[in-house]
Amino acid sequence: MTMKSLLAVVMVLMFLLPVAAYAQAEAKIDTGDTAFVLVSAALVMLMTPGLAMFYGGMVRKKNVLGTIMHSFVAIALVSIQWILVGYSLAFGPDWHGIIGDLSWLGLKGVGASPNPDYAATVPHMAFMIYQAMFAVITPALISGAIAERMKFSAYLLFILLWTTLVYDPVAHWVWGTGGWMKGLGVLDFAGGIVVHITSGISALAAALLMGKRRNYLREPMPPHNLPLTVIGTGLLWFGWFGFNAGSALSSGGLSTMAFVSTHTAAVTATMVWVIIEWVHRGKPTMFGAATGSIAGLATITPASGFVGPIPALCIGLLAGAVCYISLNIKGRLGYDDSLDAFGVHGVGGIVGTLGAGLFAEKLINPSGADGLFFGNPHQLYVQGMAIVVTIVYSFAVTFVLLKLIELVVGLRVSEEDEVLGLDLSQHEESGYTQ
C-alpha cells in the first residue's frame, strides 16, 4: 500500500469512527423508556399547578392568588436554578460524597447520549428534565406552612437559596453517584427523604420562625373553596404516578409495581382517614378524604419501588392513622403550619422511609435491599440514620436562611397587609371580582 493510499484510509477511519461512536450511543437509547420518562416528567410538572390549586382552595379567599403564585413561580425560578447550577450540584461528578461539582454547569456535557450511572436507556437530558420537576415541587410544598403571611420577595429569595443549599445536597447524598447515603444503601425510590422530609421539616422550621397568622385559633379560618382543593388533589394523585412509577426510569415490571403500590397506599390512607374522622368527629368530610389521599401518596413515595401491594396497603394504613393524629395535635403544640405541610409531608416522609426499611424486598427490586421483615434489620437502622441526619440538616439550614432573609428584606408582611390579604397587598389583583 502506498503512503497516499494509507493516508486515504486513515482519513476515512477518522470520519467513520465518530459516526460509529455516535451510532453506538444512539443504539443504547430505548425509545419506549424515553417516551415513558418524558411523559412522567410532564406528569410531575403538572403536580405543581395541582399543588397550587390544592393549597389555593385551603386558604381564605383574600389569599388565593398569592398562594397559587407560590407554587407557580417555583416552576420558573427553580427550573432556571436547576439548568444553571442545580443539576450539576445534585447529580454532577461527586465531591467527597457531599455534593456534585460544577462540571455540568449550565448543562455542559448533558446531551442526547445516556448516562449509565443514572439511566442507561434514555438520553441524559431526559433524566435531567425529569429530575428538574422534582426540584420544582419540593420548595413549593414548604409554602403551605407560611401561607397568608410571608412577603413574596422573601419567598423568592428563600426558595432559591433553599433549593441550592438543602435540596441539591440531599439529592446528591441519596441519589447522586458517590453520594454518602447512597453508598450506605439508603432506600428512597422517589423522594421520601429528598422531597418530603426535607420540605416537611423545613416547613416546620418556617412555621415556628414566622409565627402564627393573625387571630389564629381565635377566629375561623376554613378553606374558602373546597372544590378547588379537590381538583388539586386529583391532579396531584394523577401526577404522582409519574413521580413514583416514573422513578423506575424505564417502562416495565418495576414501574408497574410502583404504580400499583402508589395507588394501593393512596386509597388505603383515604379510607383509613375517612373512618377515623367519622369515629372521632361524627362526620366524614371531603376535606379529610383529600388530605388522607395526599398523606398516603407522600408516605408510599420512598418505598413505592421496593414493596408489593400488601406492604403498600400496610404503609397506607399507617399513613392515614399517623398523619391524622399529627394534624389533630397541631393546635395543642402551638404552631401554625397553615396548610399542614409538616403534618402530611414531613410525617408521611418519615413513616414511609421507615416503611421501606421494614417492607423492602429484593424480589420486587433486585437493585434495592431486603427490609426488617425479610431478614435484614440493618436496613431499618440505615433508614433511621438517614431520617435523623436529614431532619437536623434541613431544620438547621432553613432556620439560618430565614433568619438571614429576615435581616435583609424581612419575612412577614405588615399587619395591615395581612388583614388586607396577600392578593392585593403583594400582587394588586384579586381572585374573585365579587
Protein backbone atom coordinates (compact mmCIF):
# COMPACT_ATOMS: atom_id res chain seq x y z
CA MET A 1 0.00 0.00 0.00
CA THR A 2 1.36 3.37 -0.96
CA MET A 3 1.67 6.25 1.51
CA LYS A 4 -1.06 8.10 -0.36
CA SER A 5 -3.45 5.14 -0.04
CA LEU A 6 -2.61 4.75 3.65
CA LEU A 7 -3.42 8.40 4.31
CA ALA A 8 -6.72 7.99 2.49
CA VAL A 9 -7.66 5.00 4.70
CA VAL A 10 -6.73 6.93 7.87
CA MET A 11 -8.86 9.89 6.83
CA VAL A 12 -11.85 7.64 6.13
CA LEU A 13 -11.45 5.98 9.55
CA MET A 14 -11.19 9.35 11.27
CA PHE A 15 -14.50 10.27 9.70
CA LEU A 16 -16.24 6.97 10.37
CA LEU A 17 -15.14 6.40 13.98
CA PRO A 18 -17.07 9.36 15.44
CA VAL A 19 -20.10 8.33 13.38
CA ALA A 20 -19.80 4.78 14.68
CA ALA A 21 -19.41 6.03 18.25
CA TYR A 22 -22.48 8.24 17.86
CA ALA A 23 -24.46 5.34 16.38
CA GLN A 24 -23.36 3.14 19.27
CA ALA A 25 -24.51 5.75 21.79
CA GLU A 26 -27.80 6.18 19.96
CA ALA A 27 -28.32 2.42 19.87
CA LYS A 28 -28.38 2.35 23.67
CA ILE A 29 -31.42 4.61 23.78
CA ASP A 30 -34.71 2.78 24.23
CA THR A 31 -37.44 4.87 22.63
CA GLY A 32 -40.13 3.31 24.82
CA ASP A 33 -38.24 4.14 28.01
CA THR A 34 -37.51 7.64 26.71
CA ALA A 35 -41.17 8.28 25.96
CA PHE A 36 -42.11 6.94 29.39
CA VAL A 37 -39.64 9.22 31.19
CA LEU A 38 -40.67 12.30 29.21
CA VAL A 39 -44.37 11.65 29.87
CA SER A 40 -43.53 11.07 33.55
CA ALA A 41 -41.67 14.38 33.62
CA ALA A 42 -44.76 16.10 32.24
CA LEU A 43 -46.92 14.39 34.88
CA VAL A 44 -44.63 15.55 37.69
CA MET A 45 -44.64 19.09 36.27
CA LEU A 46 -48.46 19.03 36.41
CA MET A 47 -48.24 18.25 40.13
CA THR A 48 -47.05 21.78 40.91
CA PRO A 49 -50.10 23.53 39.39
CA GLY A 50 -52.09 20.79 41.15
CA LEU A 51 -50.43 21.76 44.41
CA ALA A 52 -51.26 25.40 43.67
CA MET A 53 -54.97 24.52 43.48
CA PHE A 54 -54.77 22.15 46.46
CA TYR A 55 -53.24 24.88 48.63
CA GLY A 56 -55.18 27.72 46.99
CA GLY A 57 -58.56 26.27 47.91
CA MET A 58 -57.50 25.82 51.53
CA VAL A 59 -56.72 29.46 52.31
CA ARG A 60 -59.10 32.39 52.76
CA LYS A 61 -60.27 33.93 49.51
CA LYS A 62 -58.23 37.10 50.01
CA ASN A 63 -55.06 34.97 49.72
CA VAL A 64 -55.95 32.54 46.93
CA LEU A 65 -53.84 34.07 44.17
CA GLY A 66 -50.89 34.76 46.45
CA THR A 67 -50.92 31.10 47.50
CA ILE A 68 -51.25 29.84 43.92
CA MET A 69 -48.40 32.16 42.91
CA HIS A 70 -46.08 30.46 45.42
CA SER A 71 -46.32 27.20 43.50
CA PHE A 72 -46.50 28.66 40.02
CA VAL A 73 -43.44 30.88 40.36
CA ALA A 74 -41.43 27.92 41.70
CA ILE A 75 -41.80 26.27 38.28
CA ALA A 76 -39.95 29.16 36.67
CA LEU A 77 -37.40 30.11 39.32
CA VAL A 78 -36.30 26.62 40.36
CA SER A 79 -36.14 25.42 36.75
CA ILE A 80 -33.70 28.21 35.91
CA GLN A 81 -31.63 27.39 39.00
CA TRP A 82 -31.63 23.70 38.05
CA ILE A 83 -30.46 24.35 34.48
CA LEU A 84 -27.72 26.76 35.52
CA VAL A 85 -26.29 25.07 38.61
CA GLY A 86 -28.72 22.82 40.49
CA TYR A 87 -28.46 19.72 38.34
CA SER A 88 -24.69 19.79 38.49
CA LEU A 89 -24.74 20.15 42.29
CA ALA A 90 -27.24 17.32 42.73
CA PHE A 91 -26.10 14.80 40.11
CA GLY A 92 -22.76 16.05 38.83
CA PRO A 93 -19.42 14.29 39.43
CA ASP A 94 -19.05 13.65 43.15
CA TRP A 95 -17.05 15.75 45.58
CA HIS A 96 -16.33 13.75 48.78
CA GLY A 97 -19.83 12.24 48.87
CA ILE A 98 -21.31 15.62 49.81
CA ILE A 99 -22.13 17.50 46.62
CA GLY A 100 -21.72 17.35 42.89
CA ASP A 101 -19.06 19.57 41.38
CA LEU A 102 -19.72 22.21 38.72
CA SER A 103 -18.66 20.13 35.73
CA TRP A 104 -22.21 20.26 34.35
CA LEU A 105 -22.72 23.98 34.96
CA GLY A 106 -25.31 25.26 32.52
CA LEU A 107 -25.88 21.63 31.42
CA LYS A 108 -22.42 21.46 29.85
CA GLY A 109 -21.88 17.86 28.73
CA VAL A 110 -25.51 16.90 29.40
CA GLY A 111 -26.74 15.81 25.99
CA ALA A 112 -28.58 13.18 23.99
CA SER A 113 -26.40 10.23 24.97
CA PRO A 114 -27.43 8.22 28.04
CA ASN A 115 -25.51 8.48 31.29
CA PRO A 116 -25.24 4.87 32.51
CA ASP A 117 -24.79 6.00 36.13
CA TYR A 118 -28.38 7.26 36.21
CA ALA A 119 -30.47 5.99 33.28
CA ALA A 120 -28.76 3.78 30.73
CA THR A 121 -31.62 3.65 28.21
CA VAL A 122 -32.75 7.30 27.98
CA PRO A 123 -30.94 10.49 26.94
CA HIS A 124 -29.09 12.19 29.76
CA MET A 125 -31.11 15.33 29.01
CA ALA A 126 -34.35 13.40 29.59
CA PHE A 127 -33.16 12.27 33.02
CA MET A 128 -32.15 15.86 33.81
CA ILE A 129 -35.54 17.36 32.97
CA TYR A 130 -37.35 14.60 34.84
CA GLN A 131 -35.34 15.38 37.96
CA ALA A 132 -35.95 19.11 37.43
CA MET A 133 -39.64 18.59 38.12
CA PHE A 134 -38.82 17.03 41.50
CA ALA A 135 -36.68 20.03 42.36
CA VAL A 136 -39.53 22.36 41.37
CA ILE A 137 -42.28 20.91 43.55
CA THR A 138 -40.22 20.39 46.69
CA PRO A 139 -39.79 24.03 47.81
CA ALA A 140 -43.37 24.72 46.68
CA LEU A 141 -44.51 22.21 49.31
CA ILE A 142 -42.95 24.38 52.02
CA SER A 143 -45.18 27.29 51.03
CA GLY A 144 -48.09 25.56 52.77
CA ALA A 145 -46.53 26.30 56.15
CA ILE A 146 -46.12 30.04 55.61
CA ALA A 147 -49.29 30.74 53.62
CA GLU A 148 -51.15 34.02 54.18
CA ARG A 149 -48.30 35.89 55.88
CA MET A 150 -44.94 35.78 54.04
CA LYS A 151 -43.61 38.55 51.82
CA PHE A 152 -43.36 37.49 48.19
CA SER A 153 -39.84 38.92 47.89
CA ALA A 154 -38.74 36.90 50.91
CA TYR A 155 -40.34 33.77 49.47
CA LEU A 156 -38.48 34.11 46.17
CA LEU A 157 -35.15 34.57 47.91
CA PHE A 158 -35.87 31.69 50.26
CA ILE A 159 -36.79 29.05 47.67
CA LEU A 160 -33.78 29.96 45.52
CA LEU A 161 -31.34 29.60 48.43
CA TRP A 162 -33.14 26.61 49.92
CA THR A 163 -33.06 24.65 46.66
CA THR A 164 -29.32 25.31 46.34
CA LEU A 165 -28.34 24.64 49.96
CA VAL A 166 -30.82 21.98 51.09
CA TYR A 167 -32.44 20.18 48.17
CA ASP A 168 -29.39 19.87 45.91
CA PRO A 169 -27.02 18.48 48.58
CA VAL A 170 -29.56 16.00 49.98
CA ALA A 171 -30.46 14.84 46.46
CA HIS A 172 -26.77 14.17 45.88
CA TRP A 173 -26.39 12.30 49.18
CA VAL A 174 -29.26 9.95 48.36
CA TRP A 175 -29.34 9.69 44.55
CA GLY A 176 -26.09 11.10 43.19
CA THR A 177 -23.30 8.78 42.11
CA GLY A 178 -20.85 8.84 45.01
CA GLY A 179 -23.36 10.30 47.47
CA TRP A 180 -22.60 9.15 51.00
CA MET A 181 -26.13 7.98 51.85
CA LYS A 182 -26.36 6.10 48.58
CA GLY A 183 -23.07 4.41 49.47
CA LEU A 184 -24.58 3.23 52.77
CA GLY A 185 -27.52 1.65 50.94
CA VAL A 186 -30.26 4.11 51.93
CA LEU A 187 -33.52 3.34 50.10
CA ASP A 188 -35.53 6.25 48.72
CA PHE A 189 -37.19 5.27 45.48
CA ALA A 190 -38.91 8.54 44.59
CA GLY A 191 -38.22 11.13 47.26
CA GLY A 192 -39.42 10.33 50.78
CA ILE A 193 -36.16 11.72 52.12
CA VAL A 194 -35.14 14.04 49.29
CA VAL A 195 -38.57 15.61 48.74
CA HIS A 196 -40.91 15.02 51.67
CA ILE A 197 -38.67 15.02 54.74
CA THR A 198 -36.61 17.99 53.56
CA SER A 199 -39.69 20.06 52.70
CA GLY A 200 -41.76 18.92 55.67
CA ILE A 201 -39.08 19.60 58.27
CA SER A 202 -38.22 22.91 56.61
CA ALA A 203 -41.92 23.78 56.70
CA LEU A 204 -41.93 23.17 60.45
CA ALA A 205 -38.89 25.40 60.91
CA ALA A 206 -40.54 28.13 58.82
CA ALA A 207 -43.83 27.91 60.72
CA LEU A 208 -42.04 28.19 64.07
CA LEU A 209 -39.93 31.14 62.97
CA MET A 210 -42.69 33.01 61.11
CA GLY A 211 -45.16 32.76 63.96
CA LYS A 212 -48.90 32.30 63.79
CA ARG A 213 -51.32 34.01 61.46
CA ARG A 214 -53.16 36.95 62.97
CA ASN A 215 -56.02 35.68 65.19
CA TYR A 216 -55.04 32.05 64.62
CA LEU A 217 -57.33 29.81 66.72
CA ARG A 218 -59.29 32.92 67.75
CA GLU A 219 -61.33 33.23 64.57
CA PRO A 220 -62.46 30.63 62.00
CA MET A 221 -60.12 30.13 59.04
CA PRO A 222 -61.87 27.44 56.98
CA PRO A 223 -60.91 26.59 53.39
CA HIS A 224 -62.65 29.08 51.11
CA ASN A 225 -63.04 26.75 48.08
CA LEU A 226 -63.00 23.03 48.76
CA PRO A 227 -63.87 22.06 45.15
CA LEU A 228 -60.64 23.79 44.06
CA THR A 229 -58.73 21.77 46.66
CA VAL A 230 -60.33 18.54 45.43
CA ILE A 231 -59.39 19.33 41.81
CA GLY A 232 -55.84 19.95 43.02
CA THR A 233 -55.91 16.63 44.85
CA GLY A 234 -56.92 14.84 41.67
CA LEU A 235 -54.12 16.45 39.68
CA LEU A 236 -51.59 15.58 42.39
CA TRP A 237 -52.79 11.98 42.51
CA PHE A 238 -52.64 11.73 38.72
CA GLY A 239 -49.17 13.27 38.59
CA TRP A 240 -47.91 11.06 41.40
CA PHE A 241 -47.91 8.09 39.05
CA GLY A 242 -45.22 9.90 37.08
CA PHE A 243 -43.49 10.78 40.34
CA ASN A 244 -43.30 7.21 41.64
CA ALA A 245 -43.68 4.89 38.64
CA GLY A 246 -41.52 7.21 36.55
CA SER A 247 -38.69 6.83 39.05
CA ALA A 248 -38.11 3.35 37.64
CA LEU A 249 -36.73 5.27 34.61
CA SER A 250 -37.95 2.52 32.30
CA SER A 251 -41.31 1.11 31.29
CA GLY A 252 -41.69 -2.42 32.55
CA GLY A 253 -42.29 -4.56 35.58
CA LEU A 254 -40.75 -2.24 38.18
CA SER A 255 -42.64 0.83 37.02
CA THR A 256 -45.86 -1.21 37.02
CA MET A 257 -45.24 -2.37 40.58
CA ALA A 258 -44.51 1.18 41.71
CA PHE A 259 -47.72 2.38 40.04
CA VAL A 260 -49.83 -0.28 41.77
CA SER A 261 -48.16 0.26 45.16
CA THR A 262 -48.71 4.01 44.89
CA HIS A 263 -52.42 3.65 44.20
CA THR A 264 -52.85 0.98 46.86
CA ALA A 265 -51.34 3.15 49.59
CA ALA A 266 -53.32 6.20 48.49
CA VAL A 267 -56.73 4.52 48.53
CA THR A 268 -55.99 2.78 51.84
CA ALA A 269 -54.93 6.03 53.53
CA THR A 270 -58.05 7.75 52.17
CA MET A 271 -60.39 5.16 53.67
CA VAL A 272 -58.50 5.00 56.97
CA TRP A 273 -58.66 8.79 57.29
CA VAL A 274 -62.39 8.85 56.49
CA ILE A 275 -63.16 6.13 59.05
CA ILE A 276 -61.05 7.67 61.82
CA GLU A 277 -62.55 11.11 61.20
CA TRP A 278 -66.06 9.63 61.18
CA VAL A 279 -65.47 8.00 64.55
CA HIS A 280 -63.56 10.94 66.01
CA ARG A 281 -65.70 13.85 64.80
CA GLY A 282 -69.01 12.21 63.97
CA LYS A 283 -68.97 13.05 60.26
CA PRO A 284 -66.65 12.15 57.36
CA THR A 285 -65.53 15.16 55.30
CA MET A 286 -64.37 15.72 51.74
CA PHE A 287 -61.51 17.79 53.09
CA GLY A 288 -60.41 14.84 55.22
CA ALA A 289 -60.62 12.41 52.32
CA ALA A 290 -58.50 14.70 50.14
CA THR A 291 -55.90 15.17 52.87
CA GLY A 292 -55.80 11.44 53.57
CA SER A 293 -55.10 10.60 49.94
CA ILE A 294 -52.17 13.04 49.81
CA ALA A 295 -50.84 11.58 53.06
CA GLY A 296 -50.93 8.11 51.52
CA LEU A 297 -49.21 9.27 48.35
CA ALA A 298 -46.46 11.08 50.25
CA THR A 299 -45.88 8.16 52.59
CA ILE A 300 -45.56 5.46 49.94
CA THR A 301 -43.14 7.54 47.86
CA PRO A 302 -39.82 6.27 49.31
CA ALA A 303 -40.97 2.63 49.33
CA SER A 304 -43.00 2.53 46.12
CA GLY A 305 -40.37 0.74 44.02
CA PHE A 306 -39.32 -1.69 46.74
CA VAL A 307 -42.60 -3.15 48.06
CA GLY A 308 -45.57 -5.13 46.79
CA PRO A 309 -49.30 -4.37 47.10
CA ILE A 310 -49.90 -5.79 50.61
CA PRO A 311 -46.97 -3.96 52.22
CA ALA A 312 -48.15 -0.84 50.35
CA LEU A 313 -51.57 -1.33 51.92
CA CYS A 314 -49.93 -1.52 55.36
CA ILE A 315 -47.95 1.66 54.68
CA GLY A 316 -51.15 3.39 53.54
CA LEU A 317 -52.88 2.32 56.74
CA LEU A 318 -50.04 3.81 58.81
CA ALA A 319 -50.13 6.97 56.70
CA GLY A 320 -53.82 7.57 57.29
CA ALA A 321 -53.62 6.98 61.03
CA VAL A 322 -50.33 8.68 61.89
CA CYS A 323 -50.85 11.75 59.68
CA TYR A 324 -54.39 12.18 61.03
CA ILE A 325 -53.00 12.26 64.55
CA SER A 326 -50.23 14.68 63.60
CA LEU A 327 -52.71 17.15 62.13
CA ASN A 328 -55.03 16.94 65.10
CA ILE A 329 -52.40 17.62 67.75
CA LYS A 330 -51.02 20.66 65.90
CA GLY A 331 -53.19 23.10 67.80
CA ARG A 332 -52.10 21.70 71.16
CA LEU A 333 -48.44 22.07 70.21
CA GLY A 334 -48.98 25.76 69.46
CA TYR A 335 -47.50 26.22 65.99
CA ASP A 336 -49.30 27.37 62.84
CA ASP A 337 -48.41 25.14 59.89
CA SER A 338 -51.13 26.79 57.82
CA LEU A 339 -51.78 24.02 55.28
CA ASP A 340 -50.18 21.08 57.13
CA ALA A 341 -47.03 20.74 55.06
CA PHE A 342 -45.19 19.22 58.02
CA GLY A 343 -48.07 17.04 59.22
CA VAL A 344 -48.57 15.45 55.80
CA HIS A 345 -45.20 15.58 54.04
CA GLY A 346 -42.74 15.62 56.93
CA VAL A 347 -44.53 12.98 58.99
CA GLY A 348 -45.51 10.98 55.90
CA GLY A 349 -41.95 11.04 54.58
CA ILE A 350 -40.61 9.75 57.88
CA VAL A 351 -43.20 6.96 58.14
CA GLY A 352 -42.65 5.92 54.52
CA THR A 353 -38.86 5.91 54.81
CA LEU A 354 -39.13 3.65 57.84
CA GLY A 355 -41.69 1.59 55.91
CA ALA A 356 -39.07 0.94 53.23
CA GLY A 357 -36.77 -0.31 55.98
CA LEU A 358 -39.47 -2.69 57.14
CA PHE A 359 -41.08 -3.95 53.94
CA ALA A 360 -38.49 -3.61 51.14
CA GLU A 361 -37.91 -6.82 49.22
CA LYS A 362 -35.18 -7.63 46.71
CA LEU A 363 -37.66 -9.91 44.96
CA ILE A 364 -39.52 -6.73 43.96
CA ASN A 365 -36.41 -4.71 43.10
CA PRO A 366 -33.08 -6.55 42.89
CA SER A 367 -31.15 -3.28 42.99
CA GLY A 368 -32.69 -2.44 46.37
CA ALA A 369 -32.39 -4.39 49.63
CA ASP A 370 -34.45 -6.56 51.94
CA GLY A 371 -36.04 -4.86 54.92
CA LEU A 372 -36.52 -5.99 58.51
CA PHE A 373 -39.46 -8.24 57.71
CA PHE A 374 -37.41 -10.00 55.04
CA GLY A 375 -34.43 -10.78 57.25
CA ASN A 376 -32.37 -7.57 57.15
CA PRO A 377 -32.75 -5.49 60.35
CA HIS A 378 -29.72 -3.38 59.37
CA GLN A 379 -31.78 -1.71 56.64
CA LEU A 380 -34.11 -0.20 59.22
CA TYR A 381 -31.11 1.24 61.05
CA VAL A 382 -29.78 2.77 57.82
CA GLN A 383 -33.17 4.32 57.07
CA GLY A 384 -33.46 5.73 60.58
CA MET A 385 -29.99 7.25 60.42
CA ALA A 386 -30.80 8.94 57.11
CA ILE A 387 -34.01 10.36 58.59
CA VAL A 388 -32.23 11.85 61.61
CA VAL A 389 -29.44 13.44 59.55
CA THR A 390 -31.91 14.90 57.04
CA ILE A 391 -34.11 16.31 59.80
CA VAL A 392 -31.21 18.02 61.56
CA TYR A 393 -29.66 19.38 58.36
CA SER A 394 -32.94 20.61 56.82
CA PHE A 395 -34.15 22.29 60.00
CA ALA A 396 -30.83 23.98 60.77
CA VAL A 397 -30.17 25.33 57.28
CA THR A 398 -33.76 26.51 56.85
CA PHE A 399 -33.70 28.31 60.20
CA VAL A 400 -30.44 30.08 59.38
CA LEU A 401 -31.61 31.03 55.87
CA LEU A 402 -34.85 32.52 57.15
CA LYS A 403 -33.03 34.47 59.87
CA LEU A 404 -30.69 35.95 57.26
CA ILE A 405 -33.56 36.79 54.91
CA GLU A 406 -35.39 38.43 57.80
CA LEU A 407 -32.41 40.72 58.31
CA VAL A 408 -32.13 41.58 54.61
CA VAL A 409 -35.70 42.03 53.32
CA GLY A 410 -37.94 40.97 56.21
CA LEU A 411 -40.06 37.81 56.27
CA ARG A 412 -43.55 38.81 57.18
CA VAL A 413 -45.99 41.25 55.65
CA SER A 414 -47.25 44.06 57.86
CA GLU A 415 -50.35 43.52 59.98
CA GLU A 416 -52.25 45.88 57.69
CA ASP A 417 -51.24 43.87 54.60
CA GLU A 418 -52.12 40.61 56.31
CA VAL A 419 -55.61 41.91 57.09
CA LEU A 420 -55.99 43.15 53.51
CA GLY A 421 -54.76 39.84 52.10
CA LEU A 422 -51.75 38.83 50.05
CA ASP A 423 -53.59 39.02 46.73
CA LEU A 424 -53.99 42.78 46.93
CA SER A 425 -51.03 43.69 49.14
CA GLN A 426 -48.42 41.63 47.27
CA HIS A 427 -49.83 41.39 43.73
CA GLU A 428 -52.53 44.06 43.33
CA GLU A 429 -55.06 41.59 41.98
CA SER A 430 -57.95 39.57 43.28
CA GLY A 431 -59.03 36.01 42.68
CA TYR A 432 -62.70 37.00 42.73
CA THR A 433 -64.45 40.08 41.37
CA GLN A 434 -67.42 39.82 43.71
